[in-house]
Protein backbone atom coordinates (compact mmCIF):
# COMPACT_ATOMS: atom_id res chain seq x y z
CA MET A 1 -47.03 18.66 85.19
CA ASP A 2 -43.93 20.89 84.37
CA VAL A 3 -42.59 18.03 82.38
CA LEU A 4 -44.91 17.75 80.58
CA HIS A 5 -45.29 21.09 79.82
CA ARG A 6 -41.58 20.95 78.59
CA LEU A 7 -42.16 18.35 76.84
CA GLY A 8 -45.56 18.90 75.59
CA ARG A 9 -46.58 15.83 75.09
CA ALA A 10 -45.24 12.16 76.80
CA THR A 11 -45.65 8.72 77.89
CA ALA A 12 -44.90 8.14 81.34
CA GLY A 13 -41.10 6.21 81.20
CA GLU A 14 -40.69 9.46 79.28
CA VAL A 15 -41.71 11.62 82.20
CA MET A 16 -39.46 9.05 84.38
CA THR A 17 -36.67 10.33 83.09
CA ALA A 18 -36.45 13.95 83.24
CA LEU A 19 -37.38 13.79 86.43
CA THR A 20 -35.12 14.40 89.16
CA GLY A 21 -34.55 11.60 92.21
CA GLN A 22 -35.28 8.20 91.00
CA PRO A 23 -39.25 7.52 90.60
CA ALA A 24 -40.17 4.20 90.78
CA TYR A 25 -42.87 3.80 87.15
CA SER A 26 -45.85 2.45 88.74
CA THR A 27 -45.02 5.93 91.57
CA VAL A 28 -44.62 7.75 87.98
CA ARG A 29 -48.16 5.85 86.13
CA ALA A 30 -49.87 6.53 90.09
CA GLN A 31 -49.25 9.89 90.18
CA LEU A 32 -50.15 10.09 85.91
CA ARG A 33 -53.42 8.60 86.96
CA VAL A 34 -54.57 11.08 89.35
CA LEU A 35 -53.32 14.36 87.91
CA GLU A 36 -55.79 12.59 84.30
CA GLU A 37 -59.03 11.83 87.55
CA LYS A 38 -58.35 15.79 88.46
CA GLY A 39 -58.32 17.06 84.81
CA HIS A 40 -54.85 18.43 84.47
CA ILE A 41 -53.68 15.97 81.81
CA ARG A 42 -54.64 13.98 78.78
CA HIS A 43 -53.94 10.54 77.15
CA GLY A 44 -54.09 9.37 73.82
CA GLU A 45 -52.33 6.19 72.74
CA GLN A 46 -49.49 5.80 70.27
CA ASN A 47 -48.09 2.19 70.17
CA LEU A 48 -49.84 0.06 72.73
CA ARG A 49 -48.62 3.54 75.74
CA TYR A 50 -50.05 5.84 76.52
CA VAL A 51 -48.77 9.40 75.93
CA TYR A 52 -49.77 12.04 77.90
CA SER A 53 -50.21 16.01 77.39
CA PRO A 54 -52.03 19.06 79.70
CA ALA A 55 -55.44 19.50 79.29
CA LEU A 56 -54.54 23.84 80.07
CA SER A 57 -51.84 25.44 79.34
CA ARG A 58 -48.83 27.02 81.23
CA GLN A 59 -50.49 30.05 80.80
CA VAL A 60 -53.57 29.16 82.30
CA VAL A 61 -51.69 26.75 85.00
CA GLN A 62 -49.86 29.83 86.52
CA LYS A 63 -52.38 32.27 86.32
CA SER A 64 -54.81 29.81 88.29
CA VAL A 65 -51.82 28.67 90.84
CA LEU A 66 -50.73 32.37 91.34
CA GLN A 67 -54.53 33.56 92.77
CA HIS A 68 -54.34 30.39 94.98
CA LEU A 69 -51.57 31.41 96.26
CA VAL A 70 -52.23 34.70 96.80
CA ASP A 71 -55.64 33.84 98.35
CA THR A 72 -54.09 31.21 100.71
CA PHE A 73 -50.60 32.69 101.83
CA PHE A 74 -51.05 36.84 101.62
CA GLU A 75 -54.74 37.51 102.31
CA GLY A 76 -55.17 38.29 98.73
CA SER A 77 -53.30 40.79 98.47
CA ALA A 78 -50.68 41.73 95.76
CA GLU A 79 -49.12 44.54 97.96
CA LYS A 80 -48.10 41.25 99.98
CA VAL A 81 -46.97 39.77 97.66
CA VAL A 82 -44.93 42.38 95.92
CA ALA A 83 -43.32 43.98 99.50
CA THR A 84 -42.85 39.38 100.32
CA LEU A 85 -40.74 39.38 96.90
CA ILE A 86 -38.34 42.26 96.61
CA GLY A 87 -37.58 41.60 100.46
CA GLN A 88 -36.09 38.49 99.39
CA GLU A 89 -32.52 38.97 99.82
CA ARG A 90 -31.28 35.72 97.74
CA LEU A 91 -33.77 36.85 94.69
CA LYS A 92 -31.30 40.18 94.34
CA VAL A 93 -33.60 42.45 92.37
CA SER A 94 -31.76 44.29 90.33
CA ASP A 95 -32.42 47.83 89.26
CA GLU A 96 -33.87 47.09 86.38
CA GLU A 97 -35.88 44.59 87.15
CA LEU A 98 -37.44 46.89 89.68
CA GLU A 99 -37.88 49.23 86.93
CA ARG A 100 -39.49 47.57 84.37
CA ILE A 101 -41.95 46.71 87.87
CA ALA A 102 -42.53 50.21 87.78
CA GLU A 103 -43.50 50.06 84.49
CA ILE A 104 -46.39 47.22 84.75
CA ILE A 105 -47.45 49.62 87.59
CA GLU A 106 -47.93 52.19 85.68
CA ARG A 107 -48.94 50.44 82.87
CA ALA A 108 -51.83 48.77 85.48
CA ARG A 109 -52.70 52.59 86.93
CA LYS A 110 -53.48 54.30 83.46
CA GLU A 111 -55.41 51.17 82.48
CA ARG A 112 -57.82 51.54 85.40
CA ARG A 113 -58.12 55.37 84.32
CA ARG A 114 -59.22 54.03 81.20
CA ARG A 115 -62.17 51.86 82.49
């Protein structure tokens, strides 16, 4: 999916070339078929080859995946997600990032007050 979101459209061969490692062509085609069956991608034909593209925008997918992640691993708690992210030493959240996070939180508070 990441490859298709980056490229916008790609053949199975182009997807295979963009992947790390050396996946077999048949494996890539099988995975593309599964993704299409699940409605994540679609295809069109160009010069007798299938050209695949994402069915949904990256932003829509990000929101859906993030919601699933929060619900599955953090009991639906945004607080637990933020605490885990900030607590990760290897992420090394900078003071500037913490300031931007604080600004996002303040904007969310103001937005809720308006409702």
